[in-house]
């Protein structure tokens, strides 16, 4: 599980520089290809933190031992 956590951290680092558009949108790219932005009710920092937390969750949940009690049903249903 430790390797999954490290892999998630590595695959979801911010890259490049923060861009500020004329309309006030602040953004930065993630190594995974997603662009992280601020929004009407969240900051860029909050989006970065949420993105990294979701990446960690998905990586850890995918490799967790069978039978371990979970807060969220796994696998996720789409």
Protein backbone atom coordinates (compact mmCIF):
# COMPACT_ATOMS: atom_id res chain seq x y z
CA UNK A 1 0.00 0.00 0.00
CA UNK A 2 2.95 2.30 0.63
CA UNK A 3 4.04 1.98 -3.01
CA UNK A 4 0.55 2.91 -4.19
CA UNK A 5 0.60 6.03 -2.04
CA UNK A 6 4.02 7.07 -3.38
CA UNK A 7 2.93 6.39 -6.97
CA UNK A 8 -0.18 8.56 -6.49
CA UNK A 9 1.92 11.38 -5.06
CA UNK A 10 4.36 11.14 -7.97
CA UNK A 11 1.68 11.00 -10.66
CA UNK A 12 -0.23 13.96 -9.24
CA UNK A 13 2.32 16.71 -8.72
CA UNK A 14 1.74 20.18 -10.07
CA UNK A 15 3.87 21.13 -13.06
CA UNK A 16 4.73 24.45 -14.64
CA UNK A 17 3.71 27.81 -13.27
CA UNK A 18 0.44 29.21 -12.00
CA UNK A 19 -1.49 31.07 -14.71
CA UNK A 20 -3.95 33.86 -13.98
CA UNK A 21 -6.45 34.63 -16.73
CA UNK A 22 -7.95 38.10 -17.22
CA UNK A 23 -11.27 36.80 -15.85
CA UNK A 24 -9.61 35.86 -12.54
CA UNK A 25 -9.31 32.10 -13.10
CA UNK A 26 -6.10 30.80 -11.54
CA UNK A 27 -4.82 27.43 -12.80
CA UNK A 28 -1.89 25.05 -12.83
CA UNK A 29 -1.32 21.74 -14.61
CA UNK A 30 -1.04 18.37 -12.90
CA UNK A 31 1.38 15.69 -14.08
CA UNK A 32 -1.65 13.48 -14.82
CA UNK A 33 -2.82 15.92 -17.49
CA UNK A 34 -5.66 17.57 -15.59
CA UNK A 35 -5.75 21.34 -15.18
CA UNK A 36 -6.50 22.41 -11.63
CA UNK A 37 -8.33 25.72 -11.17
CA UNK A 38 -10.02 27.94 -8.66
CA UNK A 39 -13.76 28.37 -8.89
CA UNK A 40 -16.64 30.40 -7.56
CA UNK A 41 -16.58 28.66 -4.17
CA UNK A 42 -13.12 27.04 -3.96
CA UNK A 43 -9.51 28.16 -4.14
CA UNK A 44 -6.77 26.71 -6.32
CA UNK A 45 -5.16 25.34 -3.15
CA UNK A 46 -8.38 23.53 -2.21
CA UNK A 47 -8.63 22.00 -5.69
CA UNK A 48 -5.01 20.80 -5.50
CA UNK A 49 -5.60 19.24 -2.06
CA UNK A 50 -8.82 17.52 -3.15
CA UNK A 51 -7.20 16.21 -6.35
CA UNK A 52 -4.28 14.71 -4.42
CA UNK A 53 -6.58 13.22 -1.77
CA UNK A 54 -8.77 11.58 -4.42
CA UNK A 55 -5.68 10.20 -6.18
CA UNK A 56 -4.40 8.72 -2.90
CA UNK A 57 -7.81 7.23 -2.14
CA UNK A 58 -8.12 5.56 -5.54
CA UNK A 59 -4.56 4.22 -5.44
CA UNK A 60 -4.86 2.82 -1.91
CA UNK A 61 -8.36 1.42 -2.41
CA UNK A 62 -7.21 -0.45 -5.51
CA UNK A 63 -4.50 -2.35 -3.61
CA UNK A 64 -6.13 -2.75 -0.18
CA UNK A 65 -6.38 -6.35 1.03
CA UNK A 66 -9.64 -8.20 0.38
CA UNK A 67 -11.90 -8.21 3.40
CA UNK A 68 -10.58 -5.00 4.94
CA UNK A 69 -13.51 -2.95 6.31
CA UNK A 70 -14.21 0.07 4.12
CA UNK A 71 -15.99 3.37 4.54
CA UNK A 72 -16.74 3.49 0.79
CA UNK A 73 -17.98 0.51 -1.22
CA UNK A 74 -15.28 -0.84 -3.55
CA UNK A 75 -14.99 -1.10 -6.44
CA UNK A 76 -16.71 2.17 -7.20
CA UNK A 77 -19.80 1.88 -9.38
CA UNK A 78 -20.07 4.27 -12.31
